[in-house]
N, C-alpha and C. Protein backbone atom coordinates (compact mmCIF):
# COMPACT_ATOMS: atom_id res chain seq x y z
N UNK A 1 5.10 -38.68 -17.61
CA UNK A 1 5.75 -37.38 -17.62
C UNK A 1 6.99 -37.41 -18.52
N UNK A 2 7.77 -38.49 -18.44
CA UNK A 2 8.95 -38.59 -19.29
C UNK A 2 8.55 -38.60 -20.77
N UNK A 3 7.47 -39.33 -21.08
CA UNK A 3 7.03 -39.41 -22.46
C UNK A 3 6.61 -38.03 -22.97
N UNK A 4 5.93 -37.27 -22.14
CA UNK A 4 5.52 -35.92 -22.54
C UNK A 4 6.74 -35.06 -22.81
N UNK A 5 7.76 -35.16 -21.96
CA UNK A 5 8.99 -34.40 -22.20
C UNK A 5 9.66 -34.82 -23.49
N UNK A 6 9.63 -36.12 -23.77
CA UNK A 6 10.22 -36.62 -25.01
C UNK A 6 9.53 -36.06 -26.23
N UNK A 7 8.18 -36.02 -26.19
CA UNK A 7 7.43 -35.45 -27.32
C UNK A 7 7.75 -33.98 -27.49
N UNK A 8 7.86 -33.26 -26.37
CA UNK A 8 8.19 -31.83 -26.45
C UNK A 8 9.57 -31.65 -27.06
N UNK A 9 10.52 -32.47 -26.66
CA UNK A 9 11.87 -32.37 -27.20
C UNK A 9 11.88 -32.65 -28.69
N UNK A 10 11.13 -33.67 -29.11
CA UNK A 10 11.06 -33.98 -30.54
C UNK A 10 10.42 -32.83 -31.30
N UNK A 11 9.33 -32.28 -30.78
CA UNK A 11 8.68 -31.14 -31.44
C UNK A 11 9.66 -29.97 -31.52
N UNK A 12 10.39 -29.70 -30.44
CA UNK A 12 11.37 -28.62 -30.44
C UNK A 12 12.43 -28.86 -31.49
N UNK A 13 12.92 -30.08 -31.56
CA UNK A 13 13.95 -30.42 -32.53
C UNK A 13 13.45 -30.20 -33.95
N UNK A 14 12.22 -30.60 -34.22
CA UNK A 14 11.67 -30.48 -35.57
C UNK A 14 11.48 -29.04 -36.01
N UNK A 15 11.22 -28.13 -35.08
CA UNK A 15 10.98 -26.73 -35.44
C UNK A 15 12.21 -25.85 -35.23
N UNK A 16 13.28 -26.43 -34.73
CA UNK A 16 14.47 -25.64 -34.41
C UNK A 16 15.27 -25.30 -35.66
N UNK A 17 15.81 -24.10 -35.66
CA UNK A 17 16.72 -23.66 -36.69
C UNK A 17 18.14 -23.58 -36.12
N UNK A 18 18.23 -23.41 -34.81
CA UNK A 18 19.52 -23.29 -34.12
C UNK A 18 19.49 -24.15 -32.86
N UNK A 19 20.66 -24.65 -32.51
CA UNK A 19 20.80 -25.44 -31.29
C UNK A 19 21.87 -24.77 -30.44
N UNK A 20 21.62 -24.66 -29.14
CA UNK A 20 22.58 -24.03 -28.24
C UNK A 20 22.92 -24.93 -27.07
N UNK A 21 24.20 -24.95 -26.71
CA UNK A 21 24.66 -25.67 -25.53
C UNK A 21 25.92 -24.97 -25.04
N UNK A 22 26.06 -24.83 -23.74
CA UNK A 22 27.24 -24.16 -23.18
C UNK A 22 28.48 -25.05 -23.32
N UNK A 23 29.63 -24.41 -23.48
CA UNK A 23 30.89 -25.13 -23.67
C UNK A 23 31.15 -26.13 -22.55
N UNK A 24 30.79 -25.79 -21.32
CA UNK A 24 31.06 -26.69 -20.20
C UNK A 24 30.16 -27.92 -20.20
N UNK A 25 29.17 -27.97 -21.08
CA UNK A 25 28.30 -29.14 -21.18
C UNK A 25 28.66 -30.01 -22.39
N UNK A 26 29.81 -29.72 -22.99
CA UNK A 26 30.35 -30.54 -24.08
C UNK A 26 31.62 -31.18 -23.55
N UNK A 27 31.67 -32.50 -23.60
CA UNK A 27 32.79 -33.23 -23.02
C UNK A 27 33.67 -33.81 -24.12
N UNK A 28 34.99 -33.70 -23.96
CA UNK A 28 35.95 -34.24 -24.90
C UNK A 28 36.11 -35.74 -24.60
N UNK A 29 35.92 -36.57 -25.63
CA UNK A 29 36.04 -38.02 -25.49
C UNK A 29 36.83 -38.55 -26.69
N UNK A 30 37.24 -39.82 -26.65
CA UNK A 30 37.94 -40.38 -27.81
C UNK A 30 37.05 -40.36 -29.06
N UNK A 31 37.68 -40.27 -30.22
CA UNK A 31 36.97 -40.28 -31.50
C UNK A 31 36.08 -41.52 -31.56
N UNK A 32 34.83 -41.32 -31.99
CA UNK A 32 33.89 -42.41 -32.13
C UNK A 32 33.14 -42.78 -30.86
N UNK A 33 33.46 -42.13 -29.75
CA UNK A 33 32.84 -42.46 -28.46
C UNK A 33 31.81 -41.43 -28.00
N UNK A 34 31.59 -40.38 -28.78
CA UNK A 34 30.65 -39.33 -28.37
C UNK A 34 29.48 -39.22 -29.33
N UNK A 35 28.84 -38.06 -29.31
CA UNK A 35 27.72 -37.78 -30.21
C UNK A 35 28.19 -37.30 -31.57
N UNK A 36 29.43 -36.80 -31.62
CA UNK A 36 29.93 -36.15 -32.83
C UNK A 36 31.45 -36.14 -32.79
N UNK A 37 32.09 -36.36 -33.93
CA UNK A 37 33.53 -36.21 -34.04
C UNK A 37 33.83 -34.86 -34.69
N UNK A 38 34.95 -34.27 -34.31
CA UNK A 38 35.30 -32.94 -34.82
C UNK A 38 36.81 -32.81 -34.94
N UNK A 39 37.23 -31.74 -35.61
CA UNK A 39 38.65 -31.42 -35.76
C UNK A 39 38.90 -30.09 -35.07
N UNK A 40 39.93 -30.04 -34.24
CA UNK A 40 40.26 -28.83 -33.48
C UNK A 40 40.88 -27.80 -34.41
N UNK A 41 40.34 -26.58 -34.39
CA UNK A 41 40.89 -25.47 -35.16
C UNK A 41 41.79 -24.59 -34.30
N UNK A 42 41.35 -24.31 -33.08
CA UNK A 42 42.06 -23.38 -32.20
C UNK A 42 42.00 -23.92 -30.77
N UNK A 43 43.10 -23.78 -30.05
CA UNK A 43 43.14 -24.07 -28.61
C UNK A 43 43.37 -22.75 -27.90
N UNK A 44 42.43 -22.36 -27.03
CA UNK A 44 42.53 -21.09 -26.28
C UNK A 44 42.91 -21.40 -24.84
N UNK A 45 44.12 -21.02 -24.45
CA UNK A 45 44.56 -21.19 -23.06
C UNK A 45 44.25 -19.92 -22.30
N UNK A 46 43.36 -20.02 -21.32
CA UNK A 46 42.91 -18.84 -20.57
C UNK A 46 43.15 -19.06 -19.08
N UNK A 47 44.40 -19.23 -18.70
CA UNK A 47 44.72 -19.46 -17.29
C UNK A 47 44.24 -20.82 -16.85
N UNK A 48 43.30 -20.83 -15.91
CA UNK A 48 42.79 -22.09 -15.37
C UNK A 48 41.84 -22.80 -16.33
N UNK A 49 41.41 -22.13 -17.38
CA UNK A 49 40.48 -22.72 -18.34
C UNK A 49 41.12 -22.85 -19.71
N UNK A 50 40.71 -23.86 -20.43
CA UNK A 50 41.13 -24.05 -21.81
C UNK A 50 39.88 -24.33 -22.63
N UNK A 51 39.76 -23.66 -23.76
CA UNK A 51 38.62 -23.89 -24.66
C UNK A 51 39.14 -24.33 -26.02
N UNK A 52 38.40 -25.22 -26.65
CA UNK A 52 38.73 -25.68 -27.99
C UNK A 52 37.67 -25.17 -28.95
N UNK A 53 38.10 -24.65 -30.08
CA UNK A 53 37.19 -24.30 -31.16
C UNK A 53 37.41 -25.38 -32.22
N UNK A 54 36.33 -26.05 -32.62
CA UNK A 54 36.45 -27.17 -33.54
C UNK A 54 35.35 -27.09 -34.59
N UNK A 55 35.51 -27.88 -35.64
CA UNK A 55 34.46 -27.99 -36.65
C UNK A 55 34.18 -29.46 -36.92
N UNK A 56 32.96 -29.74 -37.32
CA UNK A 56 32.54 -31.10 -37.64
C UNK A 56 32.44 -31.23 -39.15
N UNK A 57 33.23 -32.09 -39.74
CA UNK A 57 33.19 -32.30 -41.19
C UNK A 57 31.84 -32.81 -41.63
N UNK A 58 31.38 -32.34 -42.78
CA UNK A 58 30.15 -32.83 -43.37
C UNK A 58 28.88 -32.22 -42.82
N UNK A 59 28.99 -31.28 -41.89
CA UNK A 59 27.79 -30.67 -41.31
C UNK A 59 27.66 -29.20 -41.68
N UNK A 60 28.37 -28.77 -42.69
CA UNK A 60 28.30 -27.37 -43.06
C UNK A 60 29.17 -26.53 -42.15
N UNK A 61 28.85 -25.28 -42.05
CA UNK A 61 29.67 -24.34 -41.28
C UNK A 61 29.25 -24.35 -39.81
N UNK A 62 29.58 -25.42 -39.12
CA UNK A 62 29.25 -25.55 -37.71
C UNK A 62 30.53 -25.45 -36.90
N UNK A 63 30.57 -24.50 -36.00
CA UNK A 63 31.71 -24.31 -35.11
C UNK A 63 31.29 -24.69 -33.70
N UNK A 64 32.16 -25.37 -33.00
CA UNK A 64 31.86 -25.85 -31.66
C UNK A 64 32.92 -25.32 -30.71
N UNK A 65 32.48 -24.77 -29.59
CA UNK A 65 33.40 -24.30 -28.55
C UNK A 65 33.20 -25.21 -27.34
N UNK A 66 34.24 -25.93 -26.96
CA UNK A 66 34.14 -26.88 -25.85
C UNK A 66 35.18 -26.56 -24.80
N UNK A 67 34.83 -26.77 -23.54
CA UNK A 67 35.78 -26.59 -22.44
C UNK A 67 36.64 -27.84 -22.34
N UNK A 68 37.91 -27.64 -22.01
CA UNK A 68 38.84 -28.76 -21.84
C UNK A 68 39.61 -28.57 -20.54
N UNK A 69 40.18 -29.64 -20.05
CA UNK A 69 41.04 -29.57 -18.88
C UNK A 69 42.20 -28.63 -19.18
N UNK A 70 42.57 -27.80 -18.22
CA UNK A 70 43.64 -26.82 -18.46
C UNK A 70 44.98 -27.48 -18.76
N UNK A 71 45.12 -28.75 -18.44
CA UNK A 71 46.38 -29.47 -18.71
C UNK A 71 46.31 -30.28 -20.00
N UNK A 72 45.31 -30.02 -20.83
CA UNK A 72 45.13 -30.81 -22.04
C UNK A 72 46.34 -30.70 -22.96
N UNK A 73 46.62 -31.78 -23.66
CA UNK A 73 47.71 -31.75 -24.65
C UNK A 73 47.15 -31.81 -26.07
N UNK A 74 45.89 -31.46 -26.22
CA UNK A 74 45.25 -31.43 -27.54
C UNK A 74 45.76 -30.20 -28.29
N UNK A 75 46.05 -30.39 -29.58
CA UNK A 75 46.54 -29.27 -30.37
C UNK A 75 45.69 -29.08 -31.62
N UNK A 76 45.89 -27.97 -32.28
CA UNK A 76 45.18 -27.65 -33.52
C UNK A 76 45.39 -28.78 -34.53
N UNK A 77 44.31 -29.18 -35.19
CA UNK A 77 44.38 -30.25 -36.17
C UNK A 77 44.03 -31.63 -35.61
N UNK A 78 43.95 -31.74 -34.29
CA UNK A 78 43.64 -33.02 -33.65
C UNK A 78 42.19 -33.41 -33.90
N UNK A 79 41.95 -34.70 -34.05
CA UNK A 79 40.58 -35.22 -34.15
C UNK A 79 40.14 -35.60 -32.74
N UNK A 80 38.92 -35.17 -32.39
CA UNK A 80 38.38 -35.44 -31.06
C UNK A 80 36.93 -35.91 -31.17
N UNK A 81 36.47 -36.56 -30.14
CA UNK A 81 35.05 -36.89 -30.02
C UNK A 81 34.42 -35.89 -29.06
N UNK A 82 33.17 -35.58 -29.29
CA UNK A 82 32.43 -34.66 -28.43
C UNK A 82 31.16 -35.35 -27.93
N UNK A 83 30.96 -35.30 -26.63
CA UNK A 83 29.74 -35.86 -26.05
C UNK A 83 28.98 -34.71 -25.40
N UNK A 84 27.73 -34.56 -25.78
CA UNK A 84 26.89 -33.47 -25.29
C UNK A 84 26.05 -33.94 -24.12
N UNK A 85 25.89 -33.08 -23.13
CA UNK A 85 24.94 -33.33 -22.05
C UNK A 85 23.57 -32.98 -22.63
N UNK A 86 22.87 -33.99 -23.13
CA UNK A 86 21.63 -33.80 -23.87
C UNK A 86 20.60 -32.98 -23.10
N UNK A 87 20.57 -33.13 -21.78
CA UNK A 87 19.59 -32.38 -20.99
C UNK A 87 19.87 -30.88 -20.97
N UNK A 88 21.04 -30.48 -21.44
CA UNK A 88 21.42 -29.06 -21.44
C UNK A 88 21.30 -28.41 -22.81
N UNK A 89 20.81 -29.14 -23.80
CA UNK A 89 20.66 -28.58 -25.15
C UNK A 89 19.39 -27.74 -25.22
N UNK A 90 19.48 -26.59 -25.89
CA UNK A 90 18.34 -25.69 -26.08
C UNK A 90 18.13 -25.50 -27.58
N UNK A 91 16.87 -25.44 -27.99
CA UNK A 91 16.51 -25.27 -29.39
C UNK A 91 15.89 -23.89 -29.61
N UNK A 92 16.23 -23.26 -30.74
CA UNK A 92 15.75 -21.92 -31.06
C UNK A 92 15.23 -21.89 -32.49
N UNK A 93 14.21 -21.06 -32.73
CA UNK A 93 13.70 -20.91 -34.09
C UNK A 93 14.58 -19.91 -34.85
N UNK A 94 14.21 -19.63 -36.07
CA UNK A 94 15.02 -18.77 -36.93
C UNK A 94 15.18 -17.35 -36.37
N UNK A 95 14.23 -16.93 -35.52
CA UNK A 95 14.29 -15.60 -34.90
C UNK A 95 15.03 -15.60 -33.57
N UNK A 96 15.56 -16.76 -33.17
CA UNK A 96 16.29 -16.84 -31.90
C UNK A 96 15.41 -17.05 -30.69
N UNK A 97 14.14 -17.37 -30.92
CA UNK A 97 13.21 -17.62 -29.82
C UNK A 97 13.25 -19.10 -29.47
N UNK A 98 13.38 -19.38 -28.17
CA UNK A 98 13.46 -20.76 -27.72
C UNK A 98 12.17 -21.51 -28.03
N UNK A 99 12.32 -22.71 -28.59
CA UNK A 99 11.15 -23.55 -28.91
C UNK A 99 11.14 -24.80 -28.06
């Protein structure tokens, strides 16, 4: 069963044009310790929640919105690592239909 899921995930990845994951499923980690390193563009303080808008160099125009601890001391321009909860990633085709 796991192997079948793996094949489906690979097929989805190969046909995907877009990838989606919720901000709360992206974890801030030290640079080099996650799936991707990024640079923070904006820190949004929203009361009990804080969100970071970041970009990943070398991947084109990719913007990432990640949830952070409300007490974070991360600021604009900071380099961060991002770790994704892989089981929460969704793949979509060019028309926005989940694959």
